Amino acid sequence: MSPVNTLNPHRLSEAIAEDGIPIAYEDLGHGEPLVLLHGITESRESWHEAGYVEPLLKRGWRLILIDCRGHGRSGKPHDPAAYSGRRQAADVAAVLDFAGIQRAALMGHSMGGTVALATAAYHPDRVNALIVNGAHPFAEDLSRLRAALADDFETWLAFLKQLVPDLSPNSCRRIRANDLTAVQASLASDRPDFSMALAKLDIPVLAITGLLDPRWEGVRNFAELASGEFLPLAGKNHVTAFLDAETIVPAVDEFLRRVSARTTEGS
């Protein structure tokens, strides 16, 4: 996703991934930690703009907002191999290490949801709970995304504006400020199916999707596979389901409090 929204600067910290890539993140608030992972061509700033950060902080969560590799203020390698699920999962683990956090809940939208799922698969001991919006662990052909980002960001923006006609100027600015080669590298390979690795894990799951999102059945199927909870959003597409913070924040807060209560009872 993109550089920081200069209208709302936020203090950044930096972790160093296992392959030397710097990973930028914000560490806000106090309480049990919740990691937020953004979608492709966006940045951690999208969580601020969509209205997640202040309500979650007021509910007592410690928020770790990560700029995924290839986006925002994080490093932007041009080698497609740098964007494997294992590498991106290791980025999250590195941020947790730098922040002094052993275990955290993870919440991700779209690409960020896939990174959250990969983190649970590769580092299950670091994950208390999983919340994914518009993401699942099944195989996925990314050729349509590659085509939309083949030349520049204008075709991609035109596609997004079909889903959100009033896409914010700040979001457009962040998207255009991306490193195109890095974003293309992150999409060079189709996503493999790693659902069986997650089916064996005893990690609480909340799977969210707009019912106008073509991925919605995959998201629902993942919730069933993981014996998790499913939150369908009627009338929402892949992007507007993320923007519906007013619905999602209370649901996430309630889910995480139930998870925390079960963990306390079992300890």
Protein backbone atom coordinates (compact mmCIF):
# COMPACT_ATOMS: atom_id res chain seq x y z
CA MET A 1 0.00 0.00 0.00
CA SER A 2 1.37 3.44 0.10
CA PRO A 3 3.37 5.99 1.92
CA VAL A 4 2.09 7.69 4.97
CA ASN A 5 -0.82 10.05 4.57
CA THR A 6 1.02 13.29 5.26
CA LEU A 7 -2.18 14.92 6.50
CA ASN A 8 -2.21 12.54 9.48
CA PRO A 9 1.37 11.56 10.31
CA HIS A 10 1.86 8.74 12.79
CA ARG A 11 5.03 7.72 14.60
CA LEU A 12 6.60 4.63 13.06
CA SER A 13 8.84 1.92 14.41
CA GLU A 14 10.81 -0.50 12.25
CA ALA A 15 11.45 -4.21 12.50
CA ILE A 16 13.99 -6.05 10.36
CA ALA A 17 12.70 -9.18 8.67
CA GLU A 18 14.71 -12.39 8.48
CA ASP A 19 15.87 -11.50 4.95
CA GLY A 20 16.89 -7.96 5.95
CA ILE A 21 13.80 -6.13 4.64
CA PRO A 22 12.69 -3.27 6.93
CA ILE A 23 9.06 -3.58 8.06
CA ALA A 24 7.41 -0.38 9.29
CA TYR A 25 4.73 -0.50 11.95
CA GLU A 26 2.83 1.58 14.49
CA ASP A 27 2.37 0.45 18.10
CA LEU A 28 -0.62 2.22 19.65
CA GLY A 29 -2.48 1.89 22.92
CA HIS A 30 -2.36 -0.62 25.74
CA GLY A 31 -3.99 -3.93 26.50
CA GLU A 32 -4.11 -7.19 24.59
CA PRO A 33 -2.45 -6.85 21.16
CA LEU A 34 -4.29 -6.88 17.83
CA VAL A 35 -2.26 -6.76 14.61
CA LEU A 36 -3.87 -5.02 11.61
CA LEU A 37 -2.81 -6.04 8.08
CA HIS A 38 -4.00 -4.01 5.07
CA GLY A 39 -4.99 -4.97 1.54
CA ILE A 40 -2.91 -4.73 -1.63
CA THR A 41 -1.82 -1.26 -2.86
CA GLU A 42 -2.92 0.26 0.45
CA SER A 43 -1.03 0.84 3.72
CA ARG A 44 -1.58 0.80 7.47
CA GLU A 45 -3.02 4.31 6.99
CA SER A 46 -6.15 2.71 5.52
CA TRP A 47 -7.13 1.47 9.00
CA HIS A 48 -6.98 5.01 10.33
CA GLU A 49 -8.97 6.44 7.45
CA ALA A 50 -11.65 3.73 7.50
CA GLY A 51 -12.36 4.39 11.17
CA TYR A 52 -10.98 1.31 12.93
CA VAL A 53 -8.17 2.74 15.04
CA GLU A 54 -9.81 5.14 17.47
CA PRO A 55 -12.80 2.89 18.29
CA LEU A 56 -10.55 -0.12 18.91
CA LEU A 57 -8.19 1.93 21.07
CA LYS A 58 -11.15 3.20 23.10
CA ARG A 59 -12.22 -0.40 23.63
CA GLY A 60 -8.84 -1.12 25.22
CA TRP A 61 -6.88 -2.94 22.52
CA ARG A 62 -3.20 -2.42 21.78
CA LEU A 63 -2.96 -2.02 18.00
CA ILE A 64 0.01 -3.01 15.86
CA LEU A 65 -0.50 -1.59 12.36
CA ILE A 66 1.95 -3.06 9.85
CA ASP A 67 2.94 -1.80 6.41
CA CYS A 68 3.24 -5.12 4.58
CA ARG A 69 6.42 -5.60 2.58
CA GLY A 70 6.20 -3.91 -0.80
CA HIS A 71 3.91 -1.22 0.62
CA GLY A 72 3.92 1.96 2.67
CA ARG A 73 7.14 2.70 4.53
CA SER A 74 8.33 -0.91 4.49
CA GLY A 75 11.00 -2.24 2.14
CA LYS A 76 9.97 -2.95 -1.44
CA PRO A 77 11.92 -5.89 -2.90
CA HIS A 78 11.47 -6.52 -6.62
CA ASP A 79 12.09 -10.28 -6.45
CA PRO A 80 8.83 -12.28 -6.56
CA ALA A 81 10.41 -14.87 -4.24
CA ALA A 82 10.46 -12.22 -1.51
CA TYR A 83 6.65 -12.33 -1.33
CA SER A 84 6.13 -15.97 -0.43
CA GLY A 85 3.68 -16.74 2.35
CA ARG A 86 6.54 -17.89 4.56
CA ARG A 87 8.41 -14.61 4.11
CA GLN A 88 5.37 -12.47 4.80
CA ALA A 89 4.46 -14.55 7.84
CA ALA A 90 7.99 -14.10 9.12
CA ASP A 91 7.54 -10.32 8.79
CA VAL A 92 4.65 -10.44 11.25
CA ALA A 93 6.69 -12.58 13.65
CA ALA A 94 9.58 -10.11 13.37
CA VAL A 95 7.31 -7.18 14.24
CA LEU A 96 5.96 -9.07 17.24
CA ASP A 97 9.54 -9.74 18.36
CA PHE A 98 10.55 -6.09 17.98
CA ALA A 99 7.41 -4.99 19.85
CA GLY A 100 8.05 -7.47 22.67
CA ILE A 101 4.84 -9.42 22.03
CA GLN A 102 4.72 -13.20 22.31
CA ARG A 103 1.18 -13.78 21.00
CA ALA A 104 -1.40 -11.55 19.33
CA ALA A 105 -4.72 -11.62 17.52
CA LEU A 106 -4.41 -10.88 13.80
CA MET A 107 -6.93 -9.02 11.63
CA GLY A 108 -6.38 -8.64 7.90
CA HIS A 109 -8.31 -7.49 4.86
CA SER A 110 -7.81 -9.12 1.44
CA MET A 111 -4.02 -9.52 0.97
CA GLY A 112 -3.60 -8.71 4.65
CA GLY A 113 -6.02 -11.50 5.49
CA THR A 114 -3.89 -13.90 3.46
CA VAL A 115 -0.80 -12.73 5.36
CA ALA A 116 -2.65 -13.31 8.65
CA LEU A 117 -3.58 -16.83 7.54
CA ALA A 118 0.00 -17.56 6.49
CA THR A 119 1.24 -16.34 9.86
CA ALA A 120 -1.11 -18.75 11.62
CA ALA A 121 0.08 -21.58 9.39
CA TYR A 122 3.82 -20.91 9.86
CA HIS A 123 3.81 -19.44 13.38
CA PRO A 124 0.72 -20.83 15.17
CA ASP A 125 2.36 -20.28 18.55
CA ARG A 126 2.28 -16.51 17.93
CA VAL A 127 -1.44 -16.26 17.09
CA ASN A 128 -4.30 -16.05 19.62
CA ALA A 129 -7.11 -15.47 17.12
CA LEU A 130 -7.68 -14.83 13.43
CA ILE A 131 -10.02 -12.28 11.88
CA VAL A 132 -10.06 -12.20 8.08
CA ASN A 133 -12.16 -9.99 5.81
CA GLY A 134 -12.42 -10.97 2.14
CA ALA A 135 -9.68 -13.60 2.42
CA HIS A 136 -9.42 -17.39 2.56
CA PRO A 137 -6.65 -20.04 2.36
CA PHE A 138 -7.83 -21.78 -0.81
CA ALA A 139 -6.04 -21.64 -4.17
CA GLU A 140 -6.63 -18.44 -6.11
CA ASP A 141 -5.82 -17.27 -9.63
CA LEU A 142 -4.44 -13.72 -9.47
CA SER A 143 -4.24 -13.12 -13.23
CA ARG A 144 -7.03 -10.52 -13.11
CA LEU A 145 -5.08 -8.50 -10.55
CA ARG A 146 -1.89 -8.84 -12.57
CA ALA A 147 -3.70 -7.54 -15.66
CA ALA A 148 -5.11 -4.54 -13.76
CA LEU A 149 -1.60 -3.64 -12.57
CA ALA A 150 0.31 -4.48 -15.74
CA ASP A 151 1.19 -0.92 -16.79
CA ASP A 152 0.39 1.60 -14.07
CA PHE A 153 -2.08 2.21 -11.25
CA GLU A 154 -4.77 3.90 -13.33
CA THR A 155 -6.46 0.69 -14.50
CA TRP A 156 -6.39 -0.55 -10.91
CA LEU A 157 -7.95 2.70 -9.65
CA ALA A 158 -10.64 2.48 -12.33
CA PHE A 159 -11.45 -1.05 -11.12
CA LEU A 160 -11.62 0.09 -7.48
CA LYS A 161 -13.84 3.03 -8.37
CA GLN A 162 -16.37 0.60 -9.87
CA LEU A 163 -16.63 -0.85 -6.35
CA VAL A 164 -16.34 2.47 -4.49
CA PRO A 165 -17.24 5.41 -6.75
CA ASP A 166 -16.28 7.89 -4.04
CA LEU A 167 -12.88 6.36 -3.29
CA SER A 168 -11.12 8.93 -1.14
CA PRO A 169 -8.45 11.26 -2.55
CA ASN A 170 -6.07 10.10 0.18
CA SER A 171 -6.54 6.47 -0.83
CA CYS A 172 -5.95 7.35 -4.48
CA ARG A 173 -2.81 9.24 -3.48
CA ARG A 174 -1.50 6.31 -1.45
CA ILE A 175 -2.16 3.87 -4.28
CA ARG A 176 -0.43 6.02 -6.92
CA ALA A 177 2.61 6.44 -4.66
CA ASN A 178 3.32 2.70 -4.64
CA ASP A 179 6.36 1.08 -6.25
CA LEU A 180 4.71 -0.61 -9.24
CA THR A 181 7.47 -3.19 -9.72
CA ALA A 182 7.22 -4.25 -6.08
CA VAL A 183 3.44 -4.62 -6.28
CA GLN A 184 3.76 -6.62 -9.50
CA ALA A 185 6.33 -8.87 -7.84
CA SER A 186 3.93 -9.54 -4.98
CA LEU A 187 1.35 -10.78 -7.50
CA ALA A 188 3.69 -12.79 -9.72
CA SER A 189 2.52 -16.16 -8.37
CA ASP A 190 -1.01 -17.42 -7.89
CA ARG A 191 -1.95 -18.22 -4.31
CA PRO A 192 -1.61 -21.90 -3.37
CA ASP A 193 -4.09 -23.86 -1.31
CA PHE A 194 -2.88 -24.07 2.29
CA SER A 195 -6.27 -24.70 3.87
CA MET A 196 -5.33 -28.07 5.37
CA ALA A 197 -2.53 -26.50 7.39
CA LEU A 198 -5.09 -24.21 9.01
CA ALA A 199 -7.79 -26.84 9.46
CA LYS A 200 -5.56 -28.63 11.96
CA LEU A 201 -4.99 -25.56 14.14
CA ASP A 202 -6.99 -24.78 17.25
CA ILE A 203 -7.12 -21.02 16.65
CA PRO A 204 -10.43 -19.12 16.97
CA VAL A 205 -11.53 -17.66 13.63
CA LEU A 206 -13.89 -14.87 12.63
CA ALA A 207 -14.34 -14.76 8.86
CA ILE A 208 -15.99 -11.65 7.41
CA THR A 209 -17.09 -10.98 3.84
CA GLY A 210 -19.40 -8.84 1.80
CA LEU A 211 -21.99 -10.96 0.05
CA LEU A 212 -21.29 -9.07 -3.20
CA ASP A 213 -17.64 -10.15 -3.03
CA PRO A 214 -16.88 -13.00 -5.49
CA ARG A 215 -14.77 -14.56 -2.73
CA TRP A 216 -17.63 -14.81 -0.27
CA GLU A 217 -18.20 -18.56 -0.66
CA GLY A 218 -14.51 -19.26 -0.10
CA VAL A 219 -14.60 -17.14 3.06
CA ARG A 220 -17.68 -18.98 4.30
CA ASN A 221 -16.11 -22.34 3.49
CA PHE A 222 -12.99 -21.39 5.44
CA ALA A 223 -15.09 -20.46 8.47
CA GLU A 224 -16.74 -23.89 8.31
CA LEU A 225 -13.40 -25.66 7.81
CA ALA A 226 -11.88 -23.89 10.83
CA SER A 227 -15.03 -24.35 12.97
CA GLY A 228 -15.03 -20.59 13.18
CA GLU A 229 -17.57 -17.79 13.10
CA PHE A 230 -18.89 -16.25 9.90
CA LEU A 231 -20.04 -12.64 9.52
CA PRO A 232 -21.70 -11.95 6.14
CA LEU A 233 -22.29 -8.32 5.21
CA ALA A 234 -25.31 -7.93 2.96
CA GLY A 235 -24.98 -5.41 0.15
CA LYS A 236 -21.21 -5.04 0.59
CA ASN A 237 -18.50 -5.84 -1.95
CA HIS A 238 -14.81 -6.61 -1.44
CA VAL A 239 -13.92 -2.99 -0.66
CA THR A 240 -17.06 -1.68 0.99
CA ALA A 241 -16.96 -4.65 3.38
CA PHE A 242 -13.66 -3.26 4.66
CA LEU A 243 -15.03 0.27 4.88
CA ASP A 244 -17.93 -0.85 7.10
CA ALA A 245 -15.99 -0.29 10.33
CA GLU A 246 -19.19 0.69 12.12
CA THR A 247 -20.42 -2.91 11.82
CA ILE A 248 -17.08 -4.69 12.05
CA VAL A 249 -15.47 -3.00 15.07
CA PRO A 250 -18.18 -4.06 17.58
CA ALA A 251 -18.23 -7.59 16.14
CA VAL A 252 -14.45 -7.88 16.38
CA ASP A 253 -14.43 -6.49 19.92
CA GLU A 254 -17.09 -8.96 21.05
CA PHE A 255 -15.32 -11.88 19.35
CA LEU A 256 -11.94 -11.07 20.88
CA ARG A 257 -13.41 -10.61 24.36
CA ARG A 258 -15.01 -14.05 24.13
CA VAL A 259 -11.70 -15.52 22.97
CA SER A 260 -9.89 -13.81 25.84
CA ALA A 261 -12.43 -15.05 28.36
CA ARG A 262 -12.10 -18.65 27.13
CA THR A 263 -8.32 -18.39 27.29
CA THR A 264 -8.46 -17.05 30.85
CA GLU A 265 -10.84 -19.81 31.93
CA GLY A 266 -8.61 -22.47 30.40
CA SER A 267 -5.37 -21.22 31.97
